[in-house]
């Protein structure tokens, strides 16, 4: 009897990933463009500046993840309702955080992200200047 219990438990665990698949149909505007070309262009421009939270390396315009499809649907629905792209961006940032934007704002949490490259550039220039100055001094003192 114990062998059948282990076999049954193994089958249930093996079937769990298949049961977790998203069986819901995609949102209406996930893969369908808006009828108005000007509104679709606004939506497309905004979607290209928003990061997919699943893929993280793609924008929601390029991602095939279900969450990205839901986000595309939200963007297109809000554009069709007359909302501005900036208001939609603020809504998405409030909902998902600054990570959703490819252009995070400058604040205390992102200061190192913005100022780090400048600090490393200045440090490298200072080190190079010191090295060149020392090499020039060694050349003058050589016999």
C-alpha atoms as a PDB file:
ATOM      1  CA  UNK A   1       0.000   0.000   0.000  1.00  0.00           C
ATOM      2  CA  UNK A   2       2.882   2.380   0.787  1.00  0.00           C
ATOM      3  CA  UNK A   3       4.257   1.975  -2.761  1.00  0.00           C
ATOM      4  CA  UNK A   4       0.930   3.099  -4.271  1.00  0.00           C
ATOM      5  CA  UNK A   5       0.879   6.177  -2.036  1.00  0.00           C
ATOM      6  CA  UNK A   6       4.357   7.181  -3.130  1.00  0.00           C
ATOM      7  CA  UNK A   7       3.449   6.580  -6.785  1.00  0.00           C
ATOM      8  CA  UNK A   8       0.274   8.648  -6.475  1.00  0.00           C
ATOM      9  CA  UNK A   9       2.129  11.483  -4.730  1.00  0.00           C
ATOM     10  CA  UNK A  10       4.788  11.446  -7.452  1.00  0.00           C
ATOM     11  CA  UNK A  11       2.151  11.662 -10.181  1.00  0.00           C
ATOM     12  CA  UNK A  12       0.433  14.585  -8.448  1.00  0.00           C
ATOM     13  CA  UNK A  13       3.740  16.438  -8.074  1.00  0.00           C
ATOM     14  CA  UNK A  14       4.664  15.733 -11.700  1.00  0.00           C
ATOM     15  CA  UNK A  15       1.314  17.104 -12.883  1.00  0.00           C
ATOM     16  CA  UNK A  16       1.537  20.290 -10.772  1.00  0.00           C
ATOM     17  CA  UNK A  17       3.438  22.387 -13.374  1.00  0.00           C
ATOM     18  CA  UNK A  18       0.880  21.531 -16.040  1.00  0.00           C
ATOM     19  CA  UNK A  19      -1.938  22.586 -13.723  1.00  0.00           C
ATOM     20  CA  UNK A  20      -0.210  25.897 -13.058  1.00  0.00           C
ATOM     21  CA  UNK A  21      -0.292  26.973 -16.705  1.00  0.00           C
ATOM     22  CA  UNK A  22      -2.253  30.102 -17.516  1.00  0.00           C
ATOM     23  CA  UNK A  23      -5.430  28.875 -19.158  1.00  0.00           C
ATOM     24  CA  UNK A  24      -7.159  32.230 -19.300  1.00  0.00           C
ATOM     25  CA  UNK A  25      -7.397  33.870 -22.716  1.00  0.00           C
ATOM     26  CA  UNK A  26      -5.204  36.937 -23.170  1.00  0.00           C
ATOM     27  CA  UNK A  27      -6.681  40.356 -22.439  1.00  0.00           C
ATOM     28  CA  UNK A  28      -8.409  41.892 -25.499  1.00  0.00           C
ATOM     29  CA  UNK A  29      -5.764  44.540 -26.231  1.00  0.00           C
ATOM     30  CA  UNK A  30      -2.781  42.348 -25.327  1.00  0.00           C
ATOM     31  CA  UNK A  31      -2.187  41.402 -28.968  1.00  0.00           C
ATOM     32  CA  UNK A  32      -4.691  43.654 -30.753  1.00  0.00           C
ATOM     33  CA  UNK A  33      -3.899  47.197 -31.813  1.00  0.00           C
ATOM     34  CA  UNK A  34      -6.145  50.182 -31.222  1.00  0.00           C
ATOM     35  CA  UNK A  35      -8.301  51.206 -34.212  1.00  0.00           C
ATOM     36  CA  UNK A  36      -7.005  54.804 -34.129  1.00  0.00           C
ATOM     37  CA  UNK A  37      -3.421  54.911 -35.515  1.00  0.00           C
ATOM     38  CA  UNK A  38      -2.525  58.030 -33.494  1.00  0.00           C
ATOM     39  CA  UNK A  39      -3.620  56.391 -30.237  1.00  0.00           C
ATOM     40  CA  UNK A  40      -1.800  53.175 -31.138  1.00  0.00           C
ATOM     41  CA  UNK A  41       1.375  55.157 -31.821  1.00  0.00           C
ATOM     42  CA  UNK A  42       1.114  56.799 -28.371  1.00  0.00           C
ATOM     43  CA  UNK A  43       0.552  53.411 -26.762  1.00  0.00           C
ATOM     44  CA  UNK A  44       3.442  51.795 -28.676  1.00  0.00           C
ATOM     45  CA  UNK A  45       5.818  54.625 -27.737  1.00  0.00           C
ATOM     46  CA  UNK A  46       4.873  54.272 -24.065  1.00  0.00           C
ATOM     47  CA  UNK A  47       5.068  50.456 -24.109  1.00  0.00           C
ATOM     48  CA  UNK A  48       8.620  50.592 -25.476  1.00  0.00           C
ATOM     49  CA  UNK A  49       9.723  52.570 -22.402  1.00  0.00           C
ATOM     50  CA  UNK A  50       8.214  50.148 -19.877  1.00  0.00           C
ATOM     51  CA  UNK A  51      10.119  47.092 -18.653  1.00  0.00           C
ATOM     52  CA  UNK A  52       8.538  43.641 -18.572  1.00  0.00           C
ATOM     53  CA  UNK A  53       8.512  42.516 -14.953  1.00  0.00           C
ATOM     54  CA  UNK A  54       8.876  38.859 -15.948  1.00  0.00           C
ATOM     55  CA  UNK A  55      11.539  39.075 -18.668  1.00  0.00           C
ATOM     56  CA  UNK A  56      13.300  42.144 -17.199  1.00  0.00           C
ATOM     57  CA  UNK A  57      15.424  42.573 -20.306  1.00  0.00           C
ATOM     58  CA  UNK A  58      12.571  43.349 -22.670  1.00  0.00           C
ATOM     59  CA  UNK A  59      10.004  46.063 -22.918  1.00  0.00           C
ATOM     60  CA  UNK A  60       6.347  45.131 -22.598  1.00  0.00           C
ATOM     61  CA  UNK A  61       6.024  45.834 -26.325  1.00  0.00           C
ATOM     62  CA  UNK A  62       8.480  43.002 -27.113  1.00  0.00           C
ATOM     63  CA  UNK A  63       7.637  40.476 -24.396  1.00  0.00           C
ATOM     64  CA  UNK A  64       5.311  37.482 -24.798  1.00  0.00           C
ATOM     65  CA  UNK A  65       4.844  37.002 -21.045  1.00  0.00           C
ATOM     66  CA  UNK A  66       1.188  36.999 -19.904  1.00  0.00           C
ATOM     67  CA  UNK A  67       1.888  39.839 -17.454  1.00  0.00           C
ATOM     68  CA  UNK A  68       3.322  41.957 -20.277  1.00  0.00           C
ATOM     69  CA  UNK A  69       0.163  41.250 -22.289  1.00  0.00           C
ATOM     70  CA  UNK A  70      -1.946  42.426 -19.364  1.00  0.00           C
ATOM     71  CA  UNK A  71       0.175  45.580 -19.103  1.00  0.00           C
ATOM     72  CA  UNK A  72      -0.181  46.237 -22.868  1.00  0.00           C
ATOM     73  CA  UNK A  73      -3.940  45.844 -22.468  1.00  0.00           C
ATOM     74  CA  UNK A  74      -3.979  48.352 -19.600  1.00  0.00           C
ATOM     75  CA  UNK A  75      -1.877  50.859 -21.556  1.00  0.00           C
ATOM     76  CA  UNK A  76      -4.040  50.591 -24.678  1.00  0.00           C
ATOM     77  CA  UNK A  77      -7.284  50.765 -22.693  1.00  0.00           C
ATOM     78  CA  UNK A  78      -6.156  53.872 -20.826  1.00  0.00           C
ATOM     79  CA  UNK A  79      -4.880  55.538 -24.032  1.00  0.00           C
ATOM     80  CA  UNK A  80      -8.227  54.785 -25.715  1.00  0.00           C
ATOM     81  CA  UNK A  81      -9.991  56.350 -22.699  1.00  0.00           C
ATOM     82  CA  UNK A  82      -8.019  59.561 -23.262  1.00  0.00           C
ATOM     83  CA  UNK A  83      -5.434  59.357 -20.480  1.00  0.00           C
ATOM     84  CA  UNK A  84      -2.025  60.873 -21.107  1.00  0.00           C
ATOM     85  CA  UNK A  85       1.017  58.594 -21.410  1.00  0.00           C
ATOM     86  CA  UNK A  86       2.631  60.336 -18.428  1.00  0.00           C
ATOM     87  CA  UNK A  87      -0.412  59.662 -16.234  1.00  0.00           C
ATOM     88  CA  UNK A  88      -0.341  56.001 -17.289  1.00  0.00           C
ATOM     89  CA  UNK A  89       3.391  55.794 -16.519  1.00  0.00           C
ATOM     90  CA  UNK A  90       2.790  57.276 -13.046  1.00  0.00           C
ATOM     91  CA  UNK A  91      -0.016  54.774 -12.441  1.00  0.00           C
ATOM     92  CA  UNK A  92       2.209  51.843 -13.454  1.00  0.00           C
ATOM     93  CA  UNK A  93       5.121  53.117 -11.335  1.00  0.00           C
ATOM     94  CA  UNK A  94       2.783  53.491  -8.352  1.00  0.00           C
ATOM     95  CA  UNK A  95       1.553  49.948  -8.914  1.00  0.00           C
ATOM     96  CA  UNK A  96       4.825  48.140  -9.775  1.00  0.00           C
ATOM     97  CA  UNK A  97       7.567  50.503  -8.555  1.00  0.00           C
ATOM     98  CA  UNK A  98      10.350  52.373 -10.372  1.00  0.00           C
ATOM     99  CA  UNK A  99      11.672  49.108 -11.807  1.00  0.00           C
ATOM    100  CA  UNK A 100       8.907  49.128 -14.440  1.00  0.00           C
ATOM    101  CA  UNK A 101      10.438  52.214 -16.087  1.00  0.00           C
ATOM    102  CA  UNK A 102      13.607  52.187 -18.173  1.00  0.00           C
ATOM    103  CA  UNK A 103      14.124  55.811 -17.062  1.00  0.00           C
ATOM    104  CA  UNK A 104      13.912  55.812 -13.246  1.00  0.00           C
ATOM    105  CA  UNK A 105      13.670  59.217 -11.513  1.00  0.00           C
ATOM    106  CA  UNK A 106      16.566  60.722  -9.603  1.00  0.00           C
ATOM    107  CA  UNK A 107      15.936  60.193  -5.885  1.00  0.00           C
ATOM    108  CA  UNK A 108      17.716  58.781  -2.849  1.00  0.00           C
ATOM    109  CA  UNK A 109      17.160  55.176  -3.961  1.00  0.00           C
ATOM    110  CA  UNK A 110      18.586  55.737  -7.463  1.00  0.00           C
ATOM    111  CA  UNK A 111      21.308  58.299  -6.699  1.00  0.00           C
ATOM    112  CA  UNK A 112      24.103  55.713  -6.937  1.00  0.00           C
ATOM    113  CA  UNK A 113      22.726  54.515 -10.260  1.00  0.00           C
ATOM    114  CA  UNK A 114      22.885  58.031 -11.685  1.00  0.00           C
ATOM    115  CA  UNK A 115      26.061  59.315  -9.986  1.00  0.00           C
ATOM    116  CA  UNK A 116      28.104  56.082  -9.908  1.00  0.00           C
ATOM    117  CA  UNK A 117      29.400  56.302 -13.501  1.00  0.00           C
ATOM    118  CA  UNK A 118      30.432  59.940 -12.992  1.00  0.00           C
ATOM    119  CA  UNK A 119      32.247  59.059  -9.751  1.00  0.00           C
ATOM    120  CA  UNK A 120      34.124  56.198 -11.454  1.00  0.00           C
ATOM    121  CA  UNK A 121      35.049  58.472 -14.376  1.00  0.00           C
ATOM    122  CA  UNK A 122      36.436  61.111 -12.000  1.00  0.00           C
ATOM    123  CA  UNK A 123      38.332  58.475 -10.000  1.00  0.00           C
ATOM    124  CA  UNK A 124      39.836  57.033 -13.184  1.00  0.00           C
ATOM    125  CA  UNK A 125      40.887  60.489 -14.389  1.00  0.00           C
ATOM    126  CA  UNK A 126      42.472  61.277 -11.028  1.00  0.00           C
ATOM    127  CA  UNK A 127      44.408  57.968 -11.027  1.00  0.00           C
ATOM    128  CA  UNK A 128      45.542  58.435 -14.636  1.00  0.00           C
ATOM    129  CA  UNK A 129      46.654  62.018 -13.958  1.00  0.00           C
ATOM    130  CA  UNK A 130      48.659  60.894 -10.928  1.00  0.00           C
ATOM    131  CA  UNK A 131      50.258  58.068 -12.918  1.00  0.00           C
ATOM    132  CA  UNK A 132      51.250  60.344 -15.827  1.00  0.00           C
ATOM    133  CA  UNK A 133      52.643  62.953 -13.432  1.00  0.00           C
ATOM    134  CA  UNK A 134      54.727  60.318 -11.615  1.00  0.00           C
ATOM    135  CA  UNK A 135      56.022  58.908 -14.938  1.00  0.00           C
ATOM    136  CA  UNK A 136      57.023  62.414 -16.082  1.00  0.00           C
ATOM    137  CA  UNK A 137      58.888  62.973 -12.784  1.00  0.00           C
ATOM    138  CA  UNK A 138      60.739  59.635 -13.167  1.00  0.00           C
ATOM    139  CA  UNK A 139      61.792  60.562 -16.706  1.00  0.00           C
ATOM    140  CA  UNK A 140      63.285  63.878 -15.507  1.00  0.00           C
ATOM    141  CA  UNK A 141      65.264  62.198 -12.699  1.00  0.00           C
ATOM    142  CA  UNK A 142      66.687  59.459 -14.962  1.00  0.00           C
ATOM    143  CA  UNK A 143      70.464  59.836 -15.762  1.00  0.00           C
END
